[in-house]
Amino acid sequence: MTSGNFVTGLHGLVRPSGRKFRHLDATSVAPQLLSLPPMRLSTKSRGLTCFVSCVVAAAVAAGCVAPKKRVIAKKGAATPAVAAPMTGELPPATDKITKITAFTAYVPRESEVPGVVGKLGRYRVAAGQNLLDIAREGGLGFRELRDANPKIDEWEPKAGVELTLPTRRILPRPNRYEGLVINIPEFRLYLFPLDTKLGEREPIMTWPVGIGAEYAQSPVTAFHVKSKDEKPVWVVPDSIYRKMEDPKRVVPPGPDNPLGDYRIRLDFDLYAIHGTNDPWTVGRLTTHGCVRLYPEDIEYLYPIVDRGYPGEFVYQPVKIGERKGRVFVEVHQDVYQMFQDLQAHARTVVAQAKLDERVDPDRLFLAVKQQLGIPIDVTRESAHTGAPSAAGDDQVAAGE
């Protein structure tokens, strides 16, 4: 349901004063489709790797960041062979990264399947670059870049290595396509117009986010914006204060404040959507349940929302979509282990979409096993009709 064109700017999407989404101006659509490849974190030396660890440890001490869970492979464990995923034709790698934060997409009716938005990209790593910096420059989170490139050294990628940029995605399925939608396993926030009409193309924006750690999970619930504040003061909750190495009851605005420069409070508990003083924690399990964005992204989002703005946390590690008569599935890690069997859950998602007869079970199995976080073609060839989907082609916008 998607391929399309990128827009050269976002000025037609949001008023500078930021109260409401406006529809894209058709004259701003460019004929080319840009894209970005996700990358893994790289460092030039073991010393820098140590420095990164120290930075994260300091963030943990600050109270808003959770330590990364280490996974240790068992000795003698065999590494299974990985088949090539059906991602479609990839463009040639380039030396340019284009940040993509906005697109127009067909919003499906209840009985329809979402489209596949955007196009994968390829990027050639330059000397001295690391995955964290590449992810930020491309408007991507660390994990989505890492997951899309499972064979790349996430700490020290070699100069010249080519990365896949995960700039193609399937829309989540919230209860209402309205306001803020955070898909937890995807580590991504979507912004839909307040007057979204099902069955029509709408301007949509999206950003990577950091979410709650396994022991402090972000909730799956609907919400409204309660208030917002610039240069927030962080009053440290007791549960966090007790774990801080250098306990502080109050953290003033500034470089030591993990909330960053902007905070959007939600109407339940102490949850908020806010910035960060540590951009490397975006796209990871790094908070005590709040949602954090890159500083430049929260600065853009902050004036758009206001008190009463609606939103919803959803938990959808498996998303299914359609484009030009072919079926795609996008699979992310079940980060909170909500499903006993992700393979069985994927089959349920396919069945609920009434696409059983059109999906190749072997391709579906492989997509769930690999969990690349990008749309994978799982069409059963004998069932492919070649008929275009109702959504047609969507348009994707380049960021600032």
Protein backbone atom coordinates (compact mmCIF):
# COMPACT_ATOMS: atom_id res chain seq x y z
CA MET A 1 0.00 0.00 0.00
CA THR A 2 2.97 2.23 0.04
CA SER A 3 5.94 3.26 -1.91
CA GLY A 4 5.82 6.85 -2.87
CA ASN A 5 7.64 10.12 -2.72
CA PHE A 6 9.45 12.07 -0.08
CA VAL A 7 8.55 15.62 0.78
CA THR A 8 11.39 18.08 1.03
CA GLY A 9 10.20 19.75 4.22
CA LEU A 10 7.70 19.69 7.06
CA HIS A 11 6.42 23.24 6.94
CA GLY A 12 3.14 22.16 5.37
CA LEU A 13 2.54 19.64 8.14
CA VAL A 14 2.64 21.64 11.33
CA ARG A 15 2.05 25.25 12.19
CA PRO A 16 5.06 26.97 13.76
CA SER A 17 2.85 27.70 16.77
CA GLY A 18 2.16 24.00 16.91
CA ARG A 19 -1.44 23.33 17.82
CA LYS A 20 -2.63 21.12 15.02
CA PHE A 21 -1.60 19.00 12.08
CA ARG A 22 -2.27 20.39 8.65
CA HIS A 23 -2.48 18.39 5.46
CA LEU A 24 0.54 18.23 3.18
CA ASP A 25 0.74 20.66 0.31
CA ALA A 26 0.86 18.58 -2.87
CA THR A 27 3.26 21.08 -4.43
CA SER A 28 5.91 20.19 -1.86
CA VAL A 29 6.16 16.55 -2.94
CA ALA A 30 9.38 15.64 -4.69
CA PRO A 31 9.55 12.83 -7.27
CA GLN A 32 12.35 10.90 -5.62
CA LEU A 33 12.09 8.49 -2.71
CA LEU A 34 14.87 8.86 -0.19
CA SER A 35 15.74 6.36 2.47
CA LEU A 36 18.01 5.53 5.36
CA PRO A 37 19.65 2.28 6.50
CA PRO A 38 19.67 1.33 10.18
CA MET A 39 23.10 0.86 11.69
CA ARG A 40 24.75 -0.56 14.71
CA LEU A 41 26.73 1.39 17.25
CA SER A 42 30.41 1.60 16.43
CA THR A 43 33.42 2.90 18.27
CA LYS A 44 36.94 3.31 17.08
CA SER A 45 38.62 1.79 20.07
CA ARG A 46 38.08 -0.24 23.17
CA GLY A 47 38.72 2.94 25.12
CA LEU A 48 35.68 4.61 23.59
CA THR A 49 33.63 1.50 24.29
CA CYS A 50 34.63 1.83 27.93
CA PHE A 51 33.70 5.50 27.84
CA VAL A 52 30.23 4.67 26.49
CA SER A 53 29.73 2.20 29.32
CA CYS A 54 30.69 4.85 31.84
CA VAL A 55 28.24 7.33 30.34
CA VAL A 56 25.41 4.82 30.57
CA ALA A 57 26.39 3.93 34.12
CA ALA A 58 26.29 7.60 35.05
CA ALA A 59 22.84 7.88 33.51
CA VAL A 60 21.68 4.93 35.59
CA ALA A 61 22.93 6.70 38.67
CA ALA A 62 20.96 9.78 37.65
CA GLY A 63 17.86 7.71 38.12
CA CYS A 64 16.06 7.81 34.76
CA VAL A 65 18.09 5.28 32.84
CA ALA A 66 18.00 1.53 33.19
CA PRO A 67 21.10 -0.60 32.64
CA LYS A 68 21.22 -2.63 29.45
CA LYS A 69 20.60 -6.31 29.99
CA ARG A 70 23.56 -8.41 28.92
CA VAL A 71 22.99 -11.57 26.95
CA ILE A 72 25.75 -14.14 27.32
CA ALA A 73 25.92 -16.92 24.76
CA LYS A 74 26.32 -20.45 26.07
CA LYS A 75 29.53 -22.24 25.19
CA GLY A 76 29.16 -24.63 22.36
CA ALA A 77 25.81 -23.24 21.28
CA ALA A 78 25.36 -23.61 17.55
CA THR A 79 24.53 -20.53 15.53
CA PRO A 80 21.59 -21.30 13.23
CA ALA A 81 21.89 -20.55 9.55
CA VAL A 82 20.08 -17.38 8.55
CA ALA A 83 18.29 -17.29 5.21
CA ALA A 84 18.04 -14.09 3.21
CA PRO A 85 14.82 -12.21 4.10
CA MET A 86 12.37 -11.14 1.39
CA THR A 87 12.92 -7.41 1.85
CA GLY A 88 12.60 -6.51 -1.80
CA GLU A 89 15.18 -4.80 -3.97
CA LEU A 90 17.59 -2.59 -2.04
CA PRO A 91 18.94 0.66 -3.51
CA PRO A 92 22.69 1.15 -3.92
CA ALA A 93 24.53 2.40 -0.84
CA THR A 94 25.29 6.12 -0.60
CA ASP A 95 27.39 8.37 1.63
CA LYS A 96 24.40 10.52 2.58
CA ILE A 97 21.92 10.11 5.43
CA THR A 98 18.51 11.74 5.12
CA LYS A 99 16.41 12.09 8.24
CA ILE A 100 12.82 11.02 7.60
CA THR A 101 10.17 12.06 10.09
CA ALA A 102 6.99 12.63 8.09
CA PHE A 103 4.92 10.97 5.42
CA THR A 104 1.40 10.77 4.08
CA ALA A 105 -0.26 7.38 4.33
CA TYR A 106 -3.57 5.73 3.76
CA VAL A 107 -5.21 5.14 7.16
CA PRO A 108 -7.02 1.80 7.00
CA ARG A 109 -10.63 1.22 7.91
CA GLU A 110 -11.34 -1.40 10.56
CA SER A 111 -11.74 -4.14 7.95
CA GLU A 112 -8.58 -3.20 6.03
CA VAL A 113 -4.88 -3.92 6.40
CA PRO A 114 -2.39 -1.02 6.76
CA GLY A 115 -0.04 -0.13 3.98
CA VAL A 116 3.74 -0.42 3.81
CA VAL A 117 5.20 3.07 4.10
CA GLY A 118 8.51 4.25 2.70
CA LYS A 119 11.51 2.52 1.22
CA LEU A 120 14.57 0.86 2.71
CA GLY A 121 17.86 2.67 2.26
CA ARG A 122 21.52 1.77 2.24
CA TYR A 123 24.33 3.76 3.79
CA ARG A 124 28.09 3.35 3.56
CA VAL A 125 29.81 3.83 6.93
CA ALA A 126 32.53 6.47 7.07
CA ALA A 127 35.65 6.18 9.18
CA GLY A 128 35.08 7.09 12.81
CA GLN A 129 31.29 6.74 12.73
CA ASN A 130 29.31 4.65 15.17
CA LEU A 131 25.78 3.26 15.13
CA LEU A 132 24.47 5.63 17.77
CA ASP A 133 25.50 8.72 15.85
CA ILE A 134 24.26 7.34 12.53
CA ALA A 135 20.93 6.39 14.08
CA ARG A 136 20.44 9.87 15.50
CA GLU A 137 21.37 11.59 12.26
CA GLY A 138 18.87 9.43 10.39
CA GLY A 139 15.99 9.82 12.85
CA LEU A 140 16.36 6.19 13.93
CA GLY A 141 16.73 4.44 17.26
CA PHE A 142 19.75 2.35 18.18
CA ARG A 143 17.91 -0.96 18.42
CA GLU A 144 16.03 -0.64 15.13
CA LEU A 145 19.28 0.11 13.33
CA ARG A 146 21.06 -2.75 15.08
CA ASP A 147 18.24 -5.25 14.48
CA ALA A 148 18.09 -4.45 10.77
CA ASN A 149 21.82 -5.17 10.51
CA PRO A 150 22.38 -8.30 12.62
CA LYS A 151 25.74 -9.15 11.04
CA ILE A 152 27.32 -5.74 11.64
CA ASP A 153 29.58 -5.18 14.65
CA GLU A 154 27.45 -2.84 16.73
CA TRP A 155 30.42 -1.29 18.52
CA GLU A 156 33.09 -1.07 15.84
CA PRO A 157 31.62 -1.18 12.32
CA LYS A 158 34.33 -1.01 9.71
CA ALA A 159 34.59 1.98 7.42
CA GLY A 160 32.99 1.19 4.08
CA VAL A 161 30.59 -1.42 5.41
CA GLU A 162 27.08 -1.01 4.00
CA LEU A 163 24.13 -0.73 6.34
CA THR A 164 20.41 -1.17 5.75
CA LEU A 165 18.45 1.85 6.96
CA PRO A 166 15.02 0.76 8.27
CA THR A 167 13.04 3.61 6.76
CA ARG A 168 10.23 1.38 5.58
CA ARG A 169 7.52 0.46 8.05
CA ILE A 170 3.95 -0.71 8.58
CA LEU A 171 1.54 1.46 10.54
CA PRO A 172 0.53 0.14 13.98
CA ARG A 173 -3.14 -0.61 14.76
CA PRO A 174 -4.21 1.57 17.72
CA ASN A 175 -7.79 1.70 18.96
CA ARG A 176 -8.00 5.16 17.39
CA TYR A 177 -5.77 6.75 14.76
CA GLU A 178 -5.66 10.01 16.65
CA GLY A 179 -2.93 11.97 18.41
CA LEU A 180 0.10 10.21 19.90
CA VAL A 181 0.59 6.48 19.37
CA ILE A 182 3.61 4.75 20.95
CA ASN A 183 4.29 1.18 19.84
CA ILE A 184 6.46 -0.17 22.64
CA PRO A 185 8.26 -3.09 20.89
CA GLU A 186 8.97 -0.82 17.93
CA PHE A 187 10.53 1.91 20.11
CA ARG A 188 8.65 4.46 18.00
CA LEU A 189 6.12 7.24 18.43
CA TYR A 190 3.61 8.16 15.71
CA LEU A 191 1.68 11.41 15.55
CA PHE A 192 -1.69 11.34 13.76
CA PRO A 193 -3.90 14.38 13.05
CA LEU A 194 -6.73 14.90 15.54
CA ASP A 195 -9.22 14.82 12.69
CA THR A 196 -7.88 11.68 10.98
CA LYS A 197 -10.42 10.12 8.61
CA LEU A 198 -10.29 6.37 8.07
CA GLY A 199 -10.00 5.36 4.44
CA GLU A 200 -8.11 8.50 3.46
CA ARG A 201 -4.50 9.60 3.20
CA GLU A 202 -3.31 11.63 6.15
CA PRO A 203 -0.07 13.39 7.15
CA ILE A 204 1.74 11.41 9.84
CA MET A 205 4.95 12.07 11.76
CA THR A 206 7.16 9.59 13.60
CA TRP A 207 10.21 9.57 15.88
CA PRO A 208 12.27 6.91 17.69
CA VAL A 209 11.90 6.76 21.48
CA GLY A 210 13.44 5.24 24.57
CA ILE A 211 11.00 3.29 26.73
CA GLY A 212 10.75 1.69 30.16
CA ALA A 213 13.19 -1.03 31.14
CA GLU A 214 12.00 -4.58 31.79
CA TYR A 215 11.70 -3.90 35.53
CA ALA A 216 9.93 -0.55 34.97
CA GLN A 217 7.79 -1.17 31.92
CA SER A 218 5.97 1.49 29.97
CA PRO A 219 2.23 0.83 30.37
CA VAL A 220 -0.17 -0.30 27.65
CA THR A 221 -2.98 2.22 28.01
CA ALA A 222 -4.76 5.22 26.52
CA PHE A 223 -3.94 8.67 27.91
CA HIS A 224 -4.31 12.42 27.52
CA VAL A 225 -1.75 15.16 27.97
CA LYS A 226 -2.17 16.67 31.43
CA SER A 227 0.33 19.52 31.19
CA LYS A 228 3.71 20.42 29.77
CA ASP A 229 6.68 22.45 30.90
CA GLU A 230 9.86 23.81 29.40
CA LYS A 231 13.15 23.52 31.32
CA PRO A 232 11.51 21.13 33.80
CA VAL A 233 12.68 20.55 37.34
CA TRP A 234 12.92 16.84 38.15
CA VAL A 235 11.52 15.95 41.56
CA VAL A 236 13.00 12.51 42.07
CA PRO A 237 10.45 9.82 43.06
CA ASP A 238 11.27 7.79 46.18
CA SER A 239 11.60 4.58 44.16
CA ILE A 240 14.39 6.15 42.08
CA TYR A 241 15.94 8.17 44.89
CA ARG A 242 16.70 5.00 46.88
CA LYS A 243 18.72 3.58 43.98
CA MET A 244 20.78 6.68 43.15
CA GLU A 245 24.51 6.58 43.92
CA ASP A 246 24.49 10.32 44.50
CA PRO A 247 20.93 10.87 45.80
CA LYS A 248 19.24 14.17 45.03
CA ARG A 249 15.65 15.01 45.82
CA VAL A 250 15.49 17.74 43.19
CA VAL A 251 17.43 18.07 39.93
CA PRO A 252 17.26 21.58 38.40
CA PRO A 253 17.22 22.27 34.66
CA GLY A 254 20.56 21.77 33.00
CA PRO A 255 22.93 19.13 31.62
CA ASP A 256 22.43 16.79 34.59
CA ASN A 257 18.65 16.66 34.23
CA PRO A 258 17.58 13.42 32.48
CA LEU A 259 14.29 15.04 31.40
CA GLY A 260 16.08 17.32 28.96
CA ASP A 261 14.58 20.70 28.05
CA TYR A 262 10.94 19.70 27.50
CA ARG A 263 8.43 17.54 29.36
CA ILE A 264 4.89 16.54 28.34
CA ARG A 265 3.08 15.12 31.38
CA LEU A 266 0.48 12.39 30.92
CA ASP A 267 -2.71 12.04 32.95
CA PHE A 268 -1.76 8.95 34.92
CA ASP A 269 0.89 8.39 37.56
CA LEU A 270 4.17 10.23 36.95
CA TYR A 271 4.54 9.19 33.33
CA ALA A 272 5.70 11.73 30.77
CA ILE A 273 7.09 12.15 27.28
CA HIS A 274 10.29 14.15 27.55
CA GLY A 275 13.72 14.88 26.14
CA THR A 276 17.02 13.59 27.42
CA ASN A 277 20.49 14.69 28.46
CA ASP A 278 21.88 11.48 26.97
CA PRO A 279 20.80 11.01 23.32
CA TRP A 280 22.44 7.59 23.17
CA THR A 281 19.64 6.19 25.34
CA VAL A 282 16.97 6.78 22.67
CA GLY A 283 15.78 3.62 20.96
CA ARG A 284 16.60 1.48 24.00
CA LEU A 285 15.11 0.14 27.24
CA THR A 286 16.38 3.05 29.30
CA THR A 287 13.69 4.66 31.47
CA HIS A 288 11.49 4.01 34.46
CA GLY A 289 8.43 3.90 32.20
CA CYS A 290 8.55 7.35 30.60
CA VAL A 291 9.11 8.00 26.89
CA ARG A 292 12.20 9.94 25.87
CA LEU A 293 13.04 11.50 22.53
CA TYR A 294 16.15 13.01 20.99
CA PRO A 295 16.47 16.69 22.07
CA GLU A 296 15.74 17.95 18.55
CA ASP A 297 12.67 15.72 18.22
CA ILE A 298 11.01 16.68 21.52
CA GLU A 299 11.67 20.32 20.63
CA TYR A 300 9.67 19.79 17.44
CA LEU A 301 6.87 17.81 19.09
CA TYR A 302 6.46 20.02 22.17
CA PRO A 303 4.57 22.95 20.54
CA ILE A 304 2.27 20.62 18.60
CA VAL A 305 0.56 19.02 21.58
CA ASP A 306 -1.41 20.76 24.30
CA ARG A 307 -3.45 19.90 27.35
CA GLY A 308 -6.07 17.25 26.56
CA TYR A 309 -4.18 15.90 23.51
CA PRO A 310 -5.05 12.19 23.19
CA GLY A 311 -2.67 9.27 22.91
CA GLU A 312 -2.18 5.56 23.42
CA PHE A 313 0.56 3.08 24.26
CA VAL A 314 0.19 -0.12 22.20
CA TYR A 315 2.19 -3.34 22.30
CA GLN A 316 2.47 -4.78 18.80
CA PRO A 317 5.68 -6.72 18.08
CA VAL A 318 4.08 -8.18 14.93
CA LYS A 319 2.49 -5.87 12.36
CA ILE A 320 0.99 -6.97 9.06
CA GLY A 321 0.53 -4.84 5.96
CA GLU A 322 -0.10 -4.96 2.26
CA ARG A 323 1.37 -3.31 -0.80
CA LYS A 324 0.34 -3.87 -4.42
CA GLY A 325 -1.32 -7.16 -3.67
CA ARG A 326 1.57 -8.57 -1.64
CA VAL A 327 1.53 -9.24 2.10
CA PHE A 328 4.27 -8.00 4.42
CA VAL A 329 4.99 -8.64 8.07
CA GLU A 330 7.17 -6.50 10.35
CA VAL A 331 8.45 -8.28 13.46
CA HIS A 332 10.13 -6.71 16.48
CA GLN A 333 11.48 -8.30 19.63
CA ASP A 334 8.94 -9.08 22.33
CA VAL A 335 10.87 -6.83 24.72
CA TYR A 336 8.55 -7.35 27.70
CA GLN A 337 7.99 -11.05 26.93
CA MET A 338 4.23 -10.58 26.70
CA PHE A 339 3.75 -13.61 24.46
CA GLN A 340 4.75 -17.16 25.31
CA ASP A 341 5.19 -18.00 21.65
CA LEU A 342 5.79 -15.17 19.18
CA GLN A 343 5.41 -17.56 16.25
CA ALA A 344 1.90 -18.47 17.43
CA HIS A 345 1.10 -14.80 17.97
CA ALA A 346 2.22 -13.99 14.42
CA ARG A 347 -0.07 -16.67 13.05
CA THR A 348 -2.90 -15.19 15.09
CA VAL A 349 -2.23 -11.72 13.65
CA VAL A 350 -2.34 -13.17 10.13
CA ALA A 351 -5.59 -15.02 10.89
CA GLN A 352 -7.21 -11.92 12.37
CA ALA A 353 -6.36 -10.07 9.17
CA LYS A 354 -7.95 -12.95 7.20
CA LEU A 355 -4.79 -13.41 5.19
CA ASP A 356 -4.04 -17.07 5.99
CA GLU A 357 -4.48 -18.23 2.41
CA ARG A 358 -2.17 -15.52 1.08
CA VAL A 359 0.72 -15.99 3.52
CA ASP A 360 3.54 -18.50 3.05
CA PRO A 361 3.99 -20.15 6.49
CA ASP A 362 7.71 -20.77 5.94
CA ARG A 363 8.37 -17.13 5.07
CA LEU A 364 6.33 -16.04 8.06
CA PHE A 365 8.28 -18.39 10.33
CA LEU A 366 11.60 -17.00 9.08
CA ALA A 367 10.49 -13.38 9.50
CA VAL A 368 9.47 -14.04 13.11
CA LYS A 369 12.69 -15.91 13.79
CA GLN A 370 14.91 -13.13 12.42
CA GLN A 371 13.02 -10.18 13.94
CA LEU A 372 14.70 -7.63 11.68
CA GLY A 373 12.13 -4.92 12.45
CA ILE A 374 11.54 -4.16 8.76
CA PRO A 375 8.65 -5.23 6.49
CA ILE A 376 9.30 -8.68 5.01
CA ASP A 377 7.38 -10.08 2.05
CA VAL A 378 5.60 -13.25 3.21
CA THR A 379 3.26 -13.67 0.24
CA ARG A 380 2.39 -17.21 -0.81
CA GLU A 381 3.30 -17.14 -4.50
CA SER A 382 0.39 -19.32 -5.57
CA ALA A 383 -1.98 -16.87 -3.84
CA HIS A 384 -0.48 -13.68 -5.27
CA THR A 385 -3.01 -11.95 -7.48
CA GLY A 386 -0.94 -8.90 -8.33
CA ALA A 387 -3.90 -6.63 -7.60
CA PRO A 388 -2.95 -3.33 -5.94
CA SER A 389 -4.20 -2.70 -2.43
CA ALA A 390 -6.82 -0.10 -1.62
CA ALA A 391 -4.24 2.26 -0.18
CA GLY A 392 -2.29 2.79 -3.35
CA ASP A 393 1.04 4.58 -3.02
CA ASP A 394 1.90 6.74 -0.03
CA GLN A 395 4.25 9.69 0.18
CA VAL A 396 7.11 9.99 2.60
CA ALA A 397 8.59 13.26 3.78
CA ALA A 398 12.18 14.08 4.55
CA GLY A 399 12.88 15.80 7.84
CA GLU A 400 14.52 19.08 8.60
